[in-house]
Protein backbone atom coordinates (compact mmCIF):
# COMPACT_ATOMS: atom_id res chain seq x y z
CA MET A 1 -16.88 6.32 0.97
CA SER A 2 -13.40 6.25 2.46
CA ASP A 3 -11.18 8.75 4.18
CA VAL A 4 -7.73 9.14 2.68
CA ILE A 5 -4.92 11.17 4.24
CA ASP A 6 -3.22 13.48 1.74
CA ASN A 7 0.49 13.06 2.50
CA GLN A 8 1.28 16.58 1.29
CA THR A 9 -1.17 18.41 3.55
CA ASP A 10 -2.09 15.83 6.23
CA VAL A 11 -5.73 16.58 5.44
CA ALA A 12 -8.33 13.83 5.19
CA VAL A 13 -9.74 13.61 1.68
CA VAL A 14 -13.10 11.89 1.23
CA ARG A 15 -13.43 9.83 -1.95
CA ASN A 16 -17.02 8.99 -2.86
CA ASP A 17 -16.32 6.93 -5.95
CA SER A 18 -14.81 3.56 -6.63
CA PRO A 19 -11.28 3.54 -8.02
CA THR A 20 -10.98 3.66 -11.79
CA VAL A 21 -9.32 0.92 -13.81
CA THR A 22 -6.34 3.26 -14.27
CA GLN A 23 -6.07 3.75 -10.50
CA LEU A 24 -6.30 -0.01 -9.95
CA GLU A 25 -3.61 -0.60 -12.57
CA GLU A 26 -1.43 1.93 -10.74
CA GLU A 27 -2.05 0.02 -7.49
CA GLY A 28 -0.99 -3.15 -9.26
CA ASP A 29 2.19 -1.53 -10.56
CA VAL A 30 3.13 -0.19 -7.11
CA ALA A 31 2.36 -3.56 -5.54
CA ALA A 32 4.40 -5.39 -8.18
CA ASP A 33 7.39 -3.13 -7.51
CA TYR A 34 7.07 -3.77 -3.77
CA ILE A 35 6.75 -7.54 -4.20
CA GLU A 36 9.63 -7.65 -6.69
CA GLU A 37 11.89 -5.87 -4.22
CA PHE A 38 10.72 -8.20 -1.44
CA LEU A 39 11.49 -11.28 -3.56
CA ASP A 40 14.94 -9.90 -4.40
CA ILE A 41 15.74 -9.28 -0.74
CA CYS A 42 14.60 -12.81 0.15
CA ASP A 43 16.44 -14.29 -2.86
CA LEU A 44 13.22 -15.91 -4.12
CA ASP A 45 12.31 -16.51 -7.76
CA GLY A 46 8.96 -15.49 -9.20
CA ASP A 47 7.17 -13.86 -12.10
CA ILE A 48 4.62 -11.16 -11.33
CA ASP A 49 1.33 -10.75 -13.21
CA ILE A 50 -1.02 -7.80 -12.67
CA ASP A 51 -4.73 -7.82 -13.44
CA VAL A 52 -7.87 -5.91 -12.50
CA ARG A 53 -10.79 -8.08 -11.36
CA ASN A 54 -14.08 -7.20 -9.70
CA GLY A 55 -12.97 -3.68 -8.84
CA ARG A 56 -9.66 -4.76 -7.29
CA ALA A 57 -6.06 -4.93 -8.34
CA TYR A 58 -4.97 -8.58 -8.46
CA VAL A 59 -1.25 -9.37 -8.24
CA ALA A 60 -0.09 -12.94 -8.78
CA VAL A 61 3.39 -14.31 -8.16
CA THR A 62 4.08 -17.47 -10.12
CA ALA A 63 7.13 -19.66 -10.49
CA ALA A 64 8.25 -22.90 -12.07
CA GLU A 65 7.52 -26.21 -10.34
CA GLY A 66 9.94 -26.85 -7.49
CA SER A 67 10.66 -23.14 -7.06
CA ASN A 68 11.53 -21.74 -3.67
CA ILE A 69 8.44 -19.47 -3.83
CA ARG A 70 6.47 -22.20 -2.03
CA VAL A 71 7.76 -20.86 1.30
CA LEU A 72 5.49 -17.84 0.78
CA SER A 73 2.37 -19.64 -0.44
CA LYS A 74 0.95 -20.63 2.96
CA PRO A 75 -2.37 -18.80 3.63
CA ASP A 76 -1.20 -16.91 6.72
CA VAL A 77 1.99 -15.79 4.97
CA VAL A 78 0.05 -14.66 1.89
CA SER A 79 -2.39 -12.70 4.09
CA ALA A 80 0.42 -11.01 5.99
CA LEU A 81 2.33 -10.13 2.83
CA GLN A 82 -0.90 -8.89 1.24
CA GLU A 83 -1.43 -6.50 4.17
CA LEU A 84 2.16 -5.23 3.93
CA THR A 85 1.71 -4.74 0.18
CA ARG A 86 -1.55 -2.86 0.73
CA LEU A 87 0.24 -0.56 3.18
CA ALA A 88 3.04 0.04 0.66
CA VAL A 89 0.45 0.91 -1.99
CA GLN A 90 -1.41 3.21 0.38
CA SER A 91 1.85 4.92 1.35
CA LYS A 92 2.74 5.52 -2.31
CA THR A 93 -0.72 6.44 -3.69
CA GLY A 94 -2.39 7.96 -0.63
CA ALA A 95 -5.47 5.79 -1.19
CA PHE A 96 -6.74 2.73 0.65
CA SER A 97 -6.05 -0.46 -1.30
CA ARG A 98 -8.15 -3.61 -1.51
CA LEU A 99 -5.69 -5.45 -3.75
CA ILE A 100 -5.54 -9.23 -3.74
CA LEU A 101 -2.21 -11.02 -3.65
CA ASP A 102 -1.82 -14.58 -4.89
CA ILE A 103 1.43 -16.45 -4.43
CA GLY A 104 2.04 -19.75 -6.16
CA GLY A 105 -1.66 -20.45 -6.73
CA SER A 106 -2.47 -20.08 -3.03
CA ARG A 107 -5.82 -18.38 -3.74
CA ASP A 108 -7.06 -21.22 -5.96
CA ALA A 109 -5.90 -23.77 -3.39
CA ARG A 110 -7.69 -21.88 -0.60
CA GLN A 111 -10.86 -21.61 -2.69
CA ALA A 112 -10.81 -25.41 -3.13
CA GLU A 113 -10.40 -25.82 0.65
CA LEU A 114 -13.32 -23.47 1.26
CA SER A 115 -15.50 -25.47 -1.15
CA VAL A 116 -14.74 -28.60 0.89
CA LEU A 117 -15.72 -26.74 4.09
CA VAL A 118 -18.99 -25.65 2.48
CA ASP A 119 -19.67 -29.25 1.34
CA SER A 120 -19.14 -30.45 4.91
CA ALA A 121 -21.47 -27.77 6.29
CA ILE A 122 -24.15 -28.64 3.73
CA ALA A 123 -23.82 -32.30 4.73
CA GLN A 124 -24.55 -31.23 8.33
CA LEU A 125 -27.68 -29.44 7.12
CA ASP A 126 -28.71 -32.51 5.12
CA GLY A 127 -28.21 -34.51 8.32
CA GLY A 128 -30.79 -32.39 10.13
CA ALA A 129 -28.82 -29.47 11.56
CA ALA A 130 -30.61 -26.11 11.49
CA SER A 131 -27.38 -24.27 10.67
CA ALA A 132 -23.68 -24.91 10.22
CA ALA A 133 -20.95 -22.48 11.27
CA LEU A 134 -17.60 -22.29 9.54
CA PRO A 135 -14.40 -21.22 11.30
CA PRO A 136 -13.41 -17.54 11.38
CA MET A 137 -11.85 -16.25 8.16
CA SER A 138 -10.96 -13.06 6.34
CA SER A 139 -13.56 -10.93 4.59
CA TYR A 140 -12.20 -12.05 1.22
CA GLU A 141 -12.58 -15.73 2.17
CA ARG A 142 -16.08 -15.10 3.57
CA LYS A 143 -17.01 -13.49 0.23
CA LEU A 144 -15.78 -16.61 -1.59
CA VAL A 145 -17.81 -18.79 0.80
CA HIS A 146 -20.95 -16.67 0.30
CA ASP A 147 -20.60 -17.11 -3.47
CA VAL A 148 -20.16 -20.92 -3.22
CA VAL A 149 -23.06 -21.24 -0.77
CA SER A 150 -25.32 -19.17 -3.01
CA ASP A 151 -24.35 -21.25 -6.07
CA ARG A 152 -25.41 -24.36 -4.15
CA GLY A 153 -28.82 -22.93 -3.29
CA PHE A 154 -28.24 -22.19 0.40
CA VAL A 155 -28.03 -18.98 2.44
CA SER A 156 -25.03 -17.69 4.37
CA THR A 157 -24.53 -14.79 6.76
CA SER A 158 -21.50 -13.46 8.58
CA HIS A 159 -21.53 -13.34 12.38
CA GLY A 160 -19.15 -12.07 15.04
CA GLU A 161 -16.63 -9.28 15.15
CA GLY A 162 -12.98 -8.90 14.23
CA ARG A 163 -10.94 -12.11 14.24
CA ASP A 164 -14.01 -14.08 15.35
CA ARG A 165 -16.07 -13.14 12.29
CA HIS A 166 -17.33 -16.32 10.64
CA THR A 167 -19.96 -17.58 8.22
CA VAL A 168 -23.14 -19.46 9.18
CA ILE A 169 -24.92 -21.49 6.50
CA THR A 170 -28.67 -22.27 6.53
CA ARG A 171 -31.25 -23.57 4.10
CA ALA A 172 -32.78 -21.06 1.69
């Protein structure tokens, strides 16, 4: 359940249901418009693809090899731009957005990095450690880690608050 401010009446509206595919597609369209304008302002080249995956709008910016879009594909930049895009969507639709933004394959690259971190943590467990903690990361990245850990037959839990929230891996 989430509270949403109705921009017309400044009244909080409570939405009990998950967004529909149509609502997610609308989020994707609004996000694509925002990103397209951002790319134009920055004089960056990129093609925008919109998809709906796992109950979220997924917006990917792709470009040809050697494109100048690489300046935006660093994880911290993608996260910041994702938050700005979510705010733009929320401003336009009046509903909280959980959209995922991928720039230049940054999400796949980060998932590969997270798999390496999980492998290292599992090696610590195989070496006799009772648990292995990963560095703090976003909720989306922790979800990816939980999935990888589960696939490998181990257990993971999130610990900490805010920016310090991290994943701890243990044996099943």
